Amino acid sequence: NVLLLNGRAMLADFGSSLRTSARPAMACFPSGSVSNAAPEVVPHTGFKATSPAPYAAASADVWSLGVLLFVMVTGRPPWSAPVKSDRLFAAFAAGGEPQGPG
């Protein structure tokens, strides 16, 4: 869910919301779809109950919003998962274009 408030976009997943007084807010659990998740949220072995290390929740939300905007513009996700074994993500991470058949 994307909420708009006073010109600000906020991602909302009420099933995995995080309340904290820490700044930046740190999380240690993956949430949402693996294809939308930031790389630091998804362990390289796949989606698990916990991430390998705490990550900045707001930064991960900005990444997810970017993926959502990509899907809205193109009609498809940019990759299956943000891991090096995904050819499209690997090309993106390397700053290049994917080669070969889709």
N, C-alpha and C. Protein backbone atom coordinates (compact mmCIF):
# COMPACT_ATOMS: atom_id res chain seq x y z
N ASN A 1 0.84 -1.18 0.00
CA ASN A 1 0.00 0.00 0.00
C ASN A 1 0.89 1.24 0.00
N VAL A 2 0.52 2.21 -0.81
CA VAL A 2 1.22 3.49 -0.83
C VAL A 2 0.26 4.55 -0.32
N LEU A 3 0.65 5.23 0.73
CA LEU A 3 -0.16 6.31 1.30
C LEU A 3 0.48 7.64 0.92
N LEU A 4 -0.34 8.61 0.56
CA LEU A 4 0.15 9.95 0.25
C LEU A 4 -0.36 10.91 1.30
N LEU A 5 0.55 11.68 1.90
CA LEU A 5 0.19 12.63 2.94
C LEU A 5 1.01 13.89 2.74
N ASN A 6 0.36 14.99 2.44
CA ASN A 6 1.05 16.27 2.25
C ASN A 6 2.19 16.16 1.24
N GLY A 7 1.95 15.44 0.14
CA GLY A 7 2.96 15.31 -0.91
C GLY A 7 4.04 14.29 -0.62
N ARG A 8 3.95 13.57 0.47
CA ARG A 8 4.94 12.55 0.81
C ARG A 8 4.34 11.17 0.57
N ALA A 9 5.12 10.30 -0.07
CA ALA A 9 4.70 8.92 -0.29
C ALA A 9 5.24 8.06 0.85
N MET A 10 4.38 7.23 1.40
CA MET A 10 4.78 6.33 2.47
C MET A 10 4.27 4.93 2.15
N LEU A 11 5.13 3.94 2.32
CA LEU A 11 4.71 2.57 2.12
C LEU A 11 4.09 2.07 3.41
N ALA A 12 3.03 1.29 3.29
CA ALA A 12 2.35 0.78 4.47
C ALA A 12 2.05 -0.70 4.29
N ASP A 13 2.53 -1.48 5.21
CA ASP A 13 2.20 -2.90 5.28
C ASP A 13 1.85 -3.15 6.73
N PHE A 14 0.56 -3.06 7.02
CA PHE A 14 0.13 -3.09 8.41
C PHE A 14 0.41 -4.42 9.09
N GLY A 15 0.64 -5.46 8.32
CA GLY A 15 0.98 -6.75 8.89
C GLY A 15 2.41 -6.82 9.39
N SER A 16 3.25 -5.90 8.95
CA SER A 16 4.65 -5.94 9.39
C SER A 16 5.17 -4.55 9.74
N SER A 17 4.32 -3.74 10.34
CA SER A 17 4.74 -2.40 10.71
C SER A 17 5.77 -2.46 11.83
N LEU A 18 6.53 -1.39 11.95
CA LEU A 18 7.63 -1.33 12.92
C LEU A 18 7.50 -0.05 13.71
N ARG A 19 7.44 -0.18 15.04
CA ARG A 19 7.39 1.00 15.90
C ARG A 19 8.71 1.03 16.67
N THR A 20 9.41 2.14 16.53
CA THR A 20 10.70 2.26 17.20
C THR A 20 11.01 3.73 17.43
N SER A 21 11.81 3.99 18.44
CA SER A 21 12.26 5.36 18.67
C SER A 21 13.67 5.55 18.14
N ALA A 22 14.29 4.47 17.67
CA ALA A 22 15.65 4.56 17.13
C ALA A 22 15.65 5.33 15.82
N ARG A 23 16.66 6.13 15.59
CA ARG A 23 16.82 6.85 14.33
C ARG A 23 18.21 6.58 13.82
N PRO A 24 18.39 6.02 12.67
CA PRO A 24 17.32 5.54 11.80
C PRO A 24 16.69 4.27 12.35
N ALA A 25 15.43 4.07 11.99
CA ALA A 25 14.72 2.86 12.42
C ALA A 25 15.38 1.65 11.77
N MET A 26 15.76 0.69 12.60
CA MET A 26 16.42 -0.51 12.10
C MET A 26 15.44 -1.68 12.20
N ALA A 27 15.46 -2.53 11.20
CA ALA A 27 14.60 -3.72 11.20
C ALA A 27 15.50 -4.94 10.99
N CYS A 28 14.99 -6.08 11.37
CA CYS A 28 15.77 -7.31 11.19
C CYS A 28 14.88 -8.45 10.70
N PHE A 29 13.83 -8.09 9.97
CA PHE A 29 12.94 -9.10 9.41
C PHE A 29 12.54 -8.68 8.00
N PRO A 30 12.47 -9.62 7.07
CA PRO A 30 12.00 -9.26 5.74
C PRO A 30 10.49 -9.13 5.73
N SER A 31 9.99 -8.27 4.85
CA SER A 31 8.54 -8.14 4.71
C SER A 31 8.22 -7.77 3.28
N GLY A 32 7.01 -8.01 2.86
CA GLY A 32 6.61 -7.69 1.51
C GLY A 32 7.03 -8.76 0.52
N SER A 33 7.01 -8.40 -0.73
CA SER A 33 7.37 -9.33 -1.80
C SER A 33 8.87 -9.32 -2.02
N VAL A 34 9.43 -10.48 -2.27
CA VAL A 34 10.88 -10.59 -2.46
C VAL A 34 11.33 -9.76 -3.66
N SER A 35 10.52 -9.67 -4.70
CA SER A 35 10.93 -8.91 -5.89
C SER A 35 10.99 -7.41 -5.60
N ASN A 36 10.25 -6.93 -4.62
CA ASN A 36 10.25 -5.51 -4.26
C ASN A 36 11.24 -5.17 -3.16
N ALA A 37 11.77 -6.16 -2.50
CA ALA A 37 12.62 -5.93 -1.33
C ALA A 37 14.00 -5.40 -1.72
N ALA A 38 14.57 -4.59 -0.85
CA ALA A 38 15.93 -4.10 -1.03
C ALA A 38 16.91 -5.26 -0.86
N PRO A 39 18.06 -5.21 -1.52
CA PRO A 39 19.02 -6.31 -1.44
C PRO A 39 19.44 -6.67 -0.01
N GLU A 40 19.56 -5.67 0.86
CA GLU A 40 19.99 -5.98 2.23
C GLU A 40 18.92 -6.68 3.04
N VAL A 41 17.69 -6.68 2.55
CA VAL A 41 16.59 -7.33 3.25
C VAL A 41 16.54 -8.83 2.92
N VAL A 42 16.97 -9.18 1.73
CA VAL A 42 16.85 -10.55 1.25
C VAL A 42 18.20 -11.26 1.35
N PRO A 43 18.32 -12.26 2.20
CA PRO A 43 19.57 -13.03 2.22
C PRO A 43 19.79 -13.69 0.86
N HIS A 44 21.02 -13.92 0.49
CA HIS A 44 21.33 -14.50 -0.82
C HIS A 44 20.82 -15.92 -0.97
N THR A 45 20.42 -16.54 0.11
CA THR A 45 19.88 -17.90 0.02
C THR A 45 18.37 -17.89 -0.13
N GLY A 46 17.75 -16.72 -0.18
CA GLY A 46 16.31 -16.61 -0.36
C GLY A 46 15.64 -15.93 0.82
N PHE A 47 14.35 -15.73 0.72
CA PHE A 47 13.57 -15.07 1.76
C PHE A 47 13.50 -15.96 2.98
N LYS A 48 13.90 -15.48 4.13
CA LYS A 48 13.88 -16.24 5.37
C LYS A 48 13.13 -15.46 6.44
N ALA A 49 12.97 -16.06 7.59
CA ALA A 49 12.24 -15.40 8.68
C ALA A 49 12.99 -14.19 9.23
N THR A 50 14.31 -14.20 9.13
CA THR A 50 15.09 -13.06 9.61
C THR A 50 16.14 -12.69 8.59
N SER A 51 16.50 -11.44 8.54
CA SER A 51 17.58 -10.98 7.66
C SER A 51 18.90 -11.27 8.33
N PRO A 52 19.98 -11.34 7.56
CA PRO A 52 21.28 -11.64 8.14
C PRO A 52 21.79 -10.54 9.07
N ALA A 53 21.34 -9.31 8.89
CA ALA A 53 21.78 -8.20 9.73
C ALA A 53 20.70 -7.13 9.74
N PRO A 54 20.64 -6.32 10.79
CA PRO A 54 19.66 -5.23 10.80
C PRO A 54 19.90 -4.29 9.61
N TYR A 55 18.84 -3.69 9.11
CA TYR A 55 18.94 -2.77 7.98
C TYR A 55 18.09 -1.54 8.27
N ALA A 56 18.41 -0.44 7.59
CA ALA A 56 17.66 0.81 7.76
C ALA A 56 16.31 0.66 7.06
N ALA A 57 15.24 0.62 7.85
CA ALA A 57 13.90 0.37 7.33
C ALA A 57 13.46 1.44 6.33
N ALA A 58 13.73 2.71 6.60
CA ALA A 58 13.29 3.78 5.69
C ALA A 58 14.00 3.67 4.35
N SER A 59 15.28 3.37 4.35
CA SER A 59 16.02 3.21 3.10
C SER A 59 15.47 2.04 2.30
N ALA A 60 15.15 0.95 2.96
CA ALA A 60 14.58 -0.21 2.28
C ALA A 60 13.21 0.14 1.70
N ASP A 61 12.45 0.98 2.39
CA ASP A 61 11.15 1.41 1.89
C ASP A 61 11.30 2.26 0.63
N VAL A 62 12.32 3.12 0.58
CA VAL A 62 12.56 3.94 -0.61
C VAL A 62 12.89 3.04 -1.79
N TRP A 63 13.71 2.02 -1.57
CA TRP A 63 14.03 1.05 -2.62
C TRP A 63 12.74 0.40 -3.12
N SER A 64 11.91 -0.06 -2.21
CA SER A 64 10.66 -0.73 -2.59
C SER A 64 9.73 0.20 -3.37
N LEU A 65 9.70 1.46 -2.98
CA LEU A 65 8.88 2.43 -3.70
C LEU A 65 9.41 2.60 -5.13
N GLY A 66 10.72 2.62 -5.28
CA GLY A 66 11.32 2.71 -6.62
C GLY A 66 10.95 1.51 -7.49
N VAL A 67 10.98 0.32 -6.91
CA VAL A 67 10.59 -0.88 -7.65
C VAL A 67 9.11 -0.79 -8.03
N LEU A 68 8.28 -0.34 -7.10
CA LEU A 68 6.85 -0.18 -7.38
C LEU A 68 6.63 0.80 -8.53
N LEU A 69 7.34 1.91 -8.54
CA LEU A 69 7.21 2.89 -9.62
C LEU A 69 7.66 2.29 -10.95
N PHE A 70 8.72 1.48 -10.93
CA PHE A 70 9.18 0.79 -12.14
C PHE A 70 8.06 -0.09 -12.69
N VAL A 71 7.43 -0.85 -11.81
CA VAL A 71 6.33 -1.74 -12.23
C VAL A 71 5.17 -0.93 -12.80
N MET A 72 4.86 0.20 -12.17
CA MET A 72 3.76 1.03 -12.66
C MET A 72 4.04 1.58 -14.05
N VAL A 73 5.29 1.91 -14.34
CA VAL A 73 5.65 2.48 -15.64
C VAL A 73 5.78 1.40 -16.72
N THR A 74 6.40 0.27 -16.38
CA THR A 74 6.70 -0.75 -17.39
C THR A 74 5.69 -1.89 -17.43
N GLY A 75 4.95 -2.09 -16.34
CA GLY A 75 4.01 -3.19 -16.28
C GLY A 75 4.63 -4.52 -15.90
N ARG A 76 5.90 -4.50 -15.49
CA ARG A 76 6.57 -5.74 -15.06
C ARG A 76 7.63 -5.40 -14.02
N PRO A 77 7.96 -6.35 -13.16
CA PRO A 77 9.02 -6.10 -12.18
C PRO A 77 10.39 -6.09 -12.87
N PRO A 78 11.35 -5.37 -12.30
CA PRO A 78 12.68 -5.30 -12.93
C PRO A 78 13.47 -6.60 -12.83
N TRP A 79 13.16 -7.46 -11.85
CA TRP A 79 13.85 -8.73 -11.63
C TRP A 79 12.98 -9.61 -10.76
N SER A 80 13.37 -10.87 -10.63
CA SER A 80 12.62 -11.80 -9.77
C SER A 80 12.96 -11.58 -8.31
N ALA A 81 14.24 -11.34 -8.03
CA ALA A 81 14.71 -11.11 -6.66
C ALA A 81 16.00 -10.29 -6.74
N PRO A 82 16.24 -9.40 -5.77
CA PRO A 82 17.46 -8.60 -5.79
C PRO A 82 18.66 -9.37 -5.25
N VAL A 83 19.04 -10.41 -5.97
CA VAL A 83 20.19 -11.24 -5.58
C VAL A 83 21.09 -11.41 -6.81
N LYS A 84 22.38 -11.64 -6.59
CA LYS A 84 23.36 -11.74 -7.68
C LYS A 84 23.05 -12.88 -8.64
N SER A 85 22.35 -13.92 -8.17
CA SER A 85 22.03 -15.04 -9.05
C SER A 85 20.92 -14.70 -10.05
N ASP A 86 20.22 -13.59 -9.86
CA ASP A 86 19.21 -13.13 -10.82
C ASP A 86 19.94 -12.30 -11.88
N ARG A 87 19.87 -12.75 -13.13
CA ARG A 87 20.62 -12.13 -14.22
C ARG A 87 20.29 -10.64 -14.38
N LEU A 88 19.02 -10.28 -14.30
CA LEU A 88 18.64 -8.88 -14.48
C LEU A 88 19.12 -8.01 -13.33
N PHE A 89 19.03 -8.51 -12.10
CA PHE A 89 19.52 -7.73 -10.96
C PHE A 89 21.04 -7.61 -11.02
N ALA A 90 21.73 -8.69 -11.39
CA ALA A 90 23.19 -8.66 -11.48
C ALA A 90 23.64 -7.60 -12.49
N ALA A 91 22.94 -7.51 -13.63
CA ALA A 91 23.28 -6.49 -14.63
C ALA A 91 23.04 -5.10 -14.07
N PHE A 92 21.93 -4.91 -13.37
CA PHE A 92 21.63 -3.62 -12.75
C PHE A 92 22.71 -3.24 -11.74
N ALA A 93 23.07 -4.19 -10.88
CA ALA A 93 24.06 -3.93 -9.83
C ALA A 93 25.42 -3.59 -10.42
N ALA A 94 25.72 -4.17 -11.59
CA ALA A 94 27.00 -3.91 -12.25
C ALA A 94 26.95 -2.62 -13.07
N GLY A 95 25.77 -2.01 -13.18
CA GLY A 95 25.65 -0.77 -13.92
C GLY A 95 25.54 -0.96 -15.43
N GLY A 96 25.18 -2.16 -15.85
CA GLY A 96 25.09 -2.44 -17.29
C GLY A 96 23.73 -2.92 -17.72
N GLU A 97 23.67 -3.37 -18.94
CA GLU A 97 22.46 -3.92 -19.53
C GLU A 97 22.56 -5.44 -19.53
N PRO A 98 21.47 -6.15 -19.27
CA PRO A 98 21.50 -7.61 -19.36
C PRO A 98 21.76 -8.06 -20.79
N GLN A 99 22.52 -9.11 -20.97
CA GLN A 99 22.84 -9.64 -22.27
C GLN A 99 22.14 -10.96 -22.50
N GLY A 100 21.82 -11.26 -23.73
CA GLY A 100 21.22 -12.55 -24.05
C GLY A 100 19.71 -12.51 -23.94
N PRO A 101 19.08 -13.67 -24.19
CA PRO A 101 17.62 -13.72 -24.16
C PRO A 101 17.07 -13.46 -22.76
N GLY A 102 15.85 -12.83 -22.71
CA GLY A 102 15.20 -12.41 -21.49
C GLY A 102 15.02 -13.45 -20.49
